[in-house]
Protein backbone atom coordinates (compact mmCIF):
# COMPACT_ATOMS: atom_id res chain seq x y z
CA UNK A 1 -31.21 28.74 -9.10
CA UNK A 2 -28.33 28.38 -7.03
CA UNK A 3 -25.49 30.93 -6.78
CA UNK A 4 -21.80 30.55 -6.03
CA UNK A 5 -22.43 31.09 -2.25
CA UNK A 6 -24.21 27.76 -2.13
CA UNK A 7 -21.17 25.77 -3.62
CA UNK A 8 -18.44 24.90 -1.28
CA UNK A 9 -14.85 25.42 -2.62
CA UNK A 10 -13.27 21.98 -3.55
CA UNK A 11 -11.14 20.56 -0.73
CA UNK A 12 -7.70 19.53 -1.61
CA UNK A 13 -9.06 15.82 -2.46
CA UNK A 14 -11.87 17.30 -4.57
CA UNK A 15 -9.19 19.36 -6.15
CA UNK A 16 -7.69 16.12 -7.46
CA UNK A 17 -10.88 15.52 -9.22
CA UNK A 18 -12.10 18.91 -10.39
CA UNK A 19 -10.76 20.38 -13.72
CA UNK A 20 -11.67 21.12 -17.45
CA UNK A 21 -10.53 22.49 -20.64
CA UNK A 22 -10.34 22.22 -24.35
CA UNK A 23 -7.64 21.69 -26.82
CA UNK A 24 -6.96 20.88 -30.56
CA UNK A 25 -7.15 17.09 -30.99
CA UNK A 26 -7.15 16.31 -34.84
CA UNK A 27 -9.80 16.79 -37.36
CA UNK A 28 -13.04 15.31 -36.16
CA UNK A 29 -12.01 15.02 -32.73
CA UNK A 30 -11.37 18.69 -31.78
CA UNK A 31 -15.06 19.45 -33.03
CA UNK A 32 -16.51 16.63 -31.07
CA UNK A 33 -14.72 17.67 -27.97
CA UNK A 34 -16.73 20.88 -27.54
CA UNK A 35 -18.89 21.92 -30.14
CA UNK A 36 -21.16 18.71 -29.72
CA UNK A 37 -22.19 20.47 -26.44
CA UNK A 38 -25.85 21.15 -27.95
CA UNK A 39 -27.83 18.99 -25.24
CA UNK A 40 -31.05 20.06 -23.96
CA UNK A 41 -31.15 20.72 -20.15
CA UNK A 42 -33.90 19.21 -18.14
CA UNK A 43 -36.51 21.32 -16.37
CA UNK A 44 -36.56 19.37 -13.22
CA UNK A 45 -33.71 19.85 -10.85
CA UNK A 46 -31.01 17.07 -11.18
CA UNK A 47 -32.98 15.40 -13.94
CA UNK A 48 -31.23 14.20 -16.98
CA UNK A 49 -31.98 14.15 -20.68
CA UNK A 50 -30.48 12.47 -23.83
CA UNK A 51 -30.18 13.95 -27.31
CA UNK A 52 -29.00 12.36 -30.45
CA UNK A 53 -26.20 13.76 -32.69
CA UNK A 54 -24.60 12.92 -36.01
CA UNK A 55 -21.58 14.11 -37.66
CA UNK A 56 -19.88 13.74 -41.09
CA UNK A 57 -16.40 14.46 -41.95
CA UNK A 58 -14.70 14.49 -45.66
CA UNK A 59 -11.17 14.37 -45.54
CA UNK A 60 -8.64 15.16 -48.48
CA UNK A 61 -11.27 16.51 -50.99
CA UNK A 62 -13.60 13.49 -50.13
CA UNK A 63 -10.92 10.77 -50.57
CA UNK A 64 -11.72 9.62 -46.91
CA UNK A 65 -15.26 10.12 -45.20
CA UNK A 66 -16.24 9.32 -41.80
CA UNK A 67 -19.94 9.12 -40.21
CA UNK A 68 -20.38 9.20 -36.64
CA UNK A 69 -23.74 8.67 -34.53
CA UNK A 70 -24.24 8.99 -30.97
CA UNK A 71 -26.00 10.56 -28.03
CA UNK A 72 -25.38 13.39 -25.62
CA UNK A 73 -26.45 12.47 -22.05
CA UNK A 74 -26.55 15.28 -19.41
CA UNK A 75 -27.66 15.98 -15.94
CA UNK A 76 -27.99 19.53 -14.68
CA UNK A 77 -28.52 19.96 -10.99
CA UNK A 78 -29.71 23.78 -10.51
CA UNK A 79 -30.11 23.32 -6.70
CA UNK A 80 -26.59 22.01 -6.11
CA UNK A 81 -24.95 23.96 -8.96
CA UNK A 82 -23.45 21.14 -10.73
CA UNK A 83 -23.51 19.42 -14.19
CA UNK A 84 -22.38 16.23 -15.86
CA UNK A 85 -22.21 15.61 -19.72
CA UNK A 86 -21.31 12.44 -21.58
CA UNK A 87 -20.89 12.71 -25.30
CA UNK A 88 -20.30 9.06 -27.05
CA UNK A 89 -20.28 8.26 -30.55
CA UNK A 90 -19.35 5.46 -33.02
CA UNK A 91 -18.90 4.90 -36.71
CA UNK A 92 -16.76 2.96 -39.01
CA UNK A 93 -13.05 4.11 -38.21
CA UNK A 94 -14.25 6.52 -35.60
CA UNK A 95 -14.88 6.44 -32.02
CA UNK A 96 -15.43 9.40 -29.70
CA UNK A 97 -16.08 9.85 -25.95
CA UNK A 98 -16.24 12.92 -23.82
CA UNK A 99 -16.79 13.22 -20.15
CA UNK A 100 -17.23 16.44 -18.41
CA UNK A 101 -18.31 18.05 -15.10
CA UNK A 102 -18.81 21.41 -14.14
CA UNK A 103 -20.03 23.80 -11.29
CA UNK A 104 -21.61 27.04 -10.54
CA UNK A 105 -19.20 29.88 -9.68
CA UNK A 106 -19.93 33.63 -9.37
CA UNK A 107 -23.20 33.31 -11.11
CA UNK A 108 -21.64 31.45 -14.23
CA UNK A 109 -21.14 27.76 -15.03
CA UNK A 110 -17.51 26.93 -15.09
CA UNK A 111 -15.89 23.77 -16.29
CA UNK A 112 -14.59 21.26 -13.65
CA UNK A 113 -13.09 18.18 -15.26
CA UNK A 114 -12.95 17.03 -18.86
CA UNK A 115 -11.52 13.76 -20.28
CA UNK A 116 -11.68 12.96 -24.01
CA UNK A 117 -10.75 9.96 -26.36
CA UNK A 118 -11.03 10.14 -30.07
CA UNK A 119 -9.94 7.48 -32.68
CA UNK A 120 -10.22 8.49 -36.23
CA UNK A 121 -8.73 5.90 -38.93
CA UNK A 122 -6.58 4.39 -36.28
CA UNK A 123 -5.17 7.79 -35.10
CA UNK A 124 -5.83 8.19 -31.34
CA UNK A 125 -5.96 11.39 -29.13
CA UNK A 126 -6.60 11.70 -25.43
CA UNK A 127 -6.77 14.73 -23.19
CA UNK A 128 -7.52 15.40 -19.65
CA UNK A 129 -7.63 18.89 -18.13
CA UNK A 130 -8.40 19.65 -14.43
CA UNK A 131 -9.09 22.90 -12.88
CA UNK A 132 -8.03 23.13 -9.08
CA UNK A 133 -10.17 25.98 -7.71
CA UNK A 134 -8.72 25.69 -4.23
CA UNK A 135 -4.98 25.93 -5.45
CA UNK A 136 -6.03 28.14 -8.31
CA UNK A 137 -4.21 25.95 -11.05
CA UNK A 138 -4.96 24.32 -14.30
CA UNK A 139 -3.32 20.89 -15.04
CA UNK A 140 -3.35 20.03 -18.78
CA UNK A 141 -2.44 16.52 -20.07
CA UNK A 142 -2.77 15.54 -23.83
CA UNK A 143 -1.43 12.97 -26.07
CA UNK A 144 -2.43 13.41 -30.07
CA UNK A 145 -1.41 11.58 -33.03
CA UNK A 146 -1.31 13.86 -36.26
CA UNK A 147 -3.41 12.26 -38.99
CA UNK A 148 -0.97 12.30 -41.97
CA UNK A 149 2.60 11.42 -40.67
CA UNK A 150 1.11 10.02 -37.36
CA UNK A 151 3.49 12.04 -35.41
CA UNK A 152 2.90 12.68 -31.56
CA UNK A 153 2.10 15.71 -29.78
CA UNK A 154 2.23 15.37 -25.95
CA UNK A 155 1.54 18.04 -23.33
CA UNK A 156 1.96 17.66 -19.71
CA UNK A 157 1.66 21.18 -18.10
CA UNK A 158 0.33 23.27 -15.27
CA UNK A 159 -0.99 26.71 -15.51
CA UNK A 160 -1.92 29.44 -12.97
CA UNK A 161 -5.73 30.06 -12.87
CA UNK A 162 -6.06 33.85 -13.11
CA UNK A 163 -8.80 36.20 -12.42
CA UNK A 164 -10.65 35.92 -15.61
CA UNK A 165 -13.47 33.51 -16.21
CA UNK A 166 -12.40 30.34 -18.12
CA UNK A 167 -14.60 28.17 -20.01
CA UNK A 168 -14.84 24.94 -21.92
CA UNK A 169 -17.41 24.85 -24.92
CA UNK A 170 -19.87 23.02 -22.69
CA UNK A 171 -19.86 25.52 -19.76
CA UNK A 172 -19.82 28.29 -22.49
CA UNK A 173 -23.03 26.64 -24.00
CA UNK A 174 -24.91 26.50 -20.80
CA UNK A 175 -23.85 30.15 -19.88
CA UNK A 176 -25.24 31.30 -23.26
CA UNK A 177 -28.40 29.36 -23.03
CA UNK A 178 -29.20 30.37 -19.46
CA UNK A 179 -28.31 34.18 -20.27
CA UNK A 180 -25.44 34.05 -17.83
CA UNK A 181 -22.47 34.95 -20.44
CA UNK A 182 -22.98 38.88 -20.43
CA UNK A 183 -22.18 40.45 -23.89
CA UNK A 184 -19.77 43.43 -24.26
CA UNK A 185 -21.12 46.81 -25.38
CA UNK A 186 -20.54 45.83 -29.08
CA UNK A 187 -22.66 42.55 -28.62
CA UNK A 188 -19.81 40.28 -28.77
CA UNK A 189 -19.37 37.37 -26.27
CA UNK A 190 -15.85 37.10 -24.89
CA UNK A 191 -14.20 34.30 -22.71
CA UNK A 192 -11.12 32.43 -22.04
CA UNK A 193 -10.42 28.86 -23.00
CA UNK A 194 -7.47 26.39 -22.44
CA UNK A 195 -5.59 24.69 -25.24
CA UNK A 196 -2.26 23.20 -26.40
CA UNK A 197 0.09 26.08 -27.32
CA UNK A 198 0.77 26.34 -31.19
CA UNK A 199 2.68 28.37 -33.56
CA UNK A 200 0.31 30.83 -35.76
CA UNK A 201 1.73 28.94 -38.94
CA UNK A 202 1.38 25.53 -37.66
CA UNK A 203 0.41 22.85 -40.06
CA UNK A 204 -1.61 19.63 -39.54
CA UNK A 205 1.66 17.49 -39.20
CA UNK A 206 3.97 20.06 -37.56
CA UNK A 207 5.48 18.91 -34.30
CA UNK A 208 7.53 20.67 -31.77
CA UNK A 209 10.03 19.05 -29.30
CA UNK A 210 8.04 20.21 -26.43
CA UNK A 211 4.45 21.83 -25.90
CA UNK A 212 3.04 23.98 -23.09
CA UNK A 213 -0.70 24.61 -22.50
CA UNK A 214 -2.08 28.32 -22.64
CA UNK A 215 -5.10 30.33 -21.94
CA UNK A 216 -6.38 32.27 -25.05
CA UNK A 217 -9.37 34.65 -25.47
CA UNK A 218 -12.43 33.23 -27.55
CA UNK A 219 -15.07 35.41 -29.22
CA UNK A 220 -18.50 34.69 -30.43
CA UNK A 221 -20.76 37.12 -32.40
CA UNK A 222 -24.41 35.96 -32.39
CA UNK A 223 -26.59 37.49 -35.08
CA UNK A 224 -30.01 36.73 -36.53
CA UNK A 225 -30.24 35.15 -39.92
CA UNK A 226 -32.61 37.55 -42.09
CA UNK A 227 -33.86 34.40 -44.03
CA UNK A 228 -34.45 31.73 -41.46
CA UNK A 229 -34.74 34.03 -38.29
CA UNK A 230 -32.35 31.75 -36.32
CA UNK A 231 -29.59 33.13 -34.43
CA UNK A 232 -26.08 32.04 -35.51
CA UNK A 233 -22.43 32.78 -35.23
CA UNK A 234 -19.12 32.77 -37.11
CA UNK A 235 -16.04 31.95 -34.88
CA UNK A 236 -12.23 31.45 -35.32
CA UNK A 237 -11.67 27.65 -35.43
CA UNK A 238 -7.87 28.33 -35.46
CA UNK A 239 -8.29 28.59 -31.59
CA UNK A 240 -8.73 24.83 -31.69
CA UNK A 241 -7.33 23.30 -34.70
CA UNK A 242 -3.99 23.64 -36.69
CA UNK A 243 -6.28 22.38 -39.75
CA UNK A 244 -8.35 25.64 -39.65
CA UNK A 245 -7.84 29.00 -41.32
CA UNK A 246 -8.64 32.37 -40.22
CA UNK A 247 -10.28 33.15 -43.67
CA UNK A 248 -12.60 30.15 -43.23
CA UNK A 249 -14.37 30.52 -39.96
CA UNK A 250 -16.68 27.88 -38.64
CA UNK A 251 -20.46 28.42 -38.47
CA UNK A 252 -22.71 27.50 -35.63
CA UNK A 253 -26.62 27.72 -35.90
CA UNK A 254 -28.56 27.91 -32.77
CA UNK A 255 -32.14 26.63 -32.30
CA UNK A 256 -34.78 26.92 -29.47
CA UNK A 257 -33.58 27.49 -26.12
CA UNK A 258 -30.52 29.07 -27.53
CA UNK A 259 -29.00 25.70 -28.09
CA UNK A 260 -26.74 24.39 -31.03
CA UNK A 261 -28.42 22.56 -33.57
CA UNK A 262 -25.89 22.74 -36.44
CA UNK A 263 -22.20 23.40 -37.02
CA UNK A 264 -20.14 23.29 -40.04
CA UNK A 265 -16.65 24.16 -41.05
CA UNK A 266 -14.20 24.19 -44.08
CA UNK A 267 -10.67 23.11 -43.13
CA UNK A 268 -7.23 22.76 -44.86
CA UNK A 269 -6.53 20.02 -47.75
CA UNK A 270 -10.04 19.90 -48.83
CA UNK A 271 -11.67 18.73 -45.50
CA UNK A 272 -15.10 19.58 -44.24
CA UNK A 273 -17.04 18.90 -41.31
CA UNK A 274 -21.01 19.14 -40.68
CA UNK A 275 -22.56 18.23 -37.32
CA UNK A 276 -26.34 18.05 -36.44
CA UNK A 277 -27.68 17.88 -33.04
CA UNK A 278 -31.19 16.42 -32.30
CA UNK A 279 -32.24 16.31 -35.86
CA UNK A 280 -31.71 14.81 -39.44
CA UNK A 281 -28.32 12.96 -39.89
CA UNK A 282 -25.53 15.28 -40.96
CA UNK A 283 -24.62 15.32 -44.61
CA UNK A 284 -21.71 16.82 -46.59
CA UNK A 285 -21.32 17.67 -50.26
CA UNK A 286 -17.75 17.66 -51.94
CA UNK A 287 -17.38 18.52 -55.49
CA UNK A 288 -13.81 19.37 -55.94
CA UNK A 289 -13.52 21.35 -52.73
CA UNK A 290 -15.25 21.19 -49.27
CA UNK A 291 -18.58 22.94 -48.45
CA UNK A 292 -18.23 26.43 -46.95
CA UNK A 293 -19.95 27.26 -43.90
CA UNK A 294 -23.52 28.59 -44.50
């Protein structure tokens, strides 16, 4: 297992390539951007593995439904302290692709560069976030089209990279799986993420004249389910989506090797999302209102 001392700091030219992040990008897009990070790491150094996923979204109380299937391909090189992940899915009226790179720093996986593109019912969102560890900056670029009114939210911003450890969901998944994410005394897992700034009362189609990026805390409290014995956690999805509500947290269930195997969420306007990784296809049930997280 490599430590940070074995990884050279990125040079100025490397800094142009190194970065990562996470933001809110619409209904299904925001979920697939990070929460599909349930790949299985390979045992061999530098070896890769591929894992299927399926996702189903019911929008506007079931008026619109989207199914997406695809694969999560990854390479984790423990000796070099680097990883690469590609998530690609396709369905009727939906396309998703995420490419992410990361590295090992101070004993933890850290995001390096993430690009994403989502098209849902003709609405397109693109994001690219880079971390320059030599210059201690974060470059955030995003352009997203709101679902209902097709308004644009555009972000072009640079932030200072502070002293705290910043994750995207893929690096956080690796850190949790490999027990590199040390819990607080109360058992909570805390980290920082990068996102587009937003008002607390922002609605799905609210648009500002200008946007900035921001670094915000993210907390995960993992507990065993007394019925299944599996570990799971509820988390505040408003960190990522203007469709989410604090009163309706998303739910993630971990399988073997402390990897996500199911994710579900209930959002505004009768919208629900279910994702399954490596198992049976995702399903949703909508009878007057979306499913609530288990």
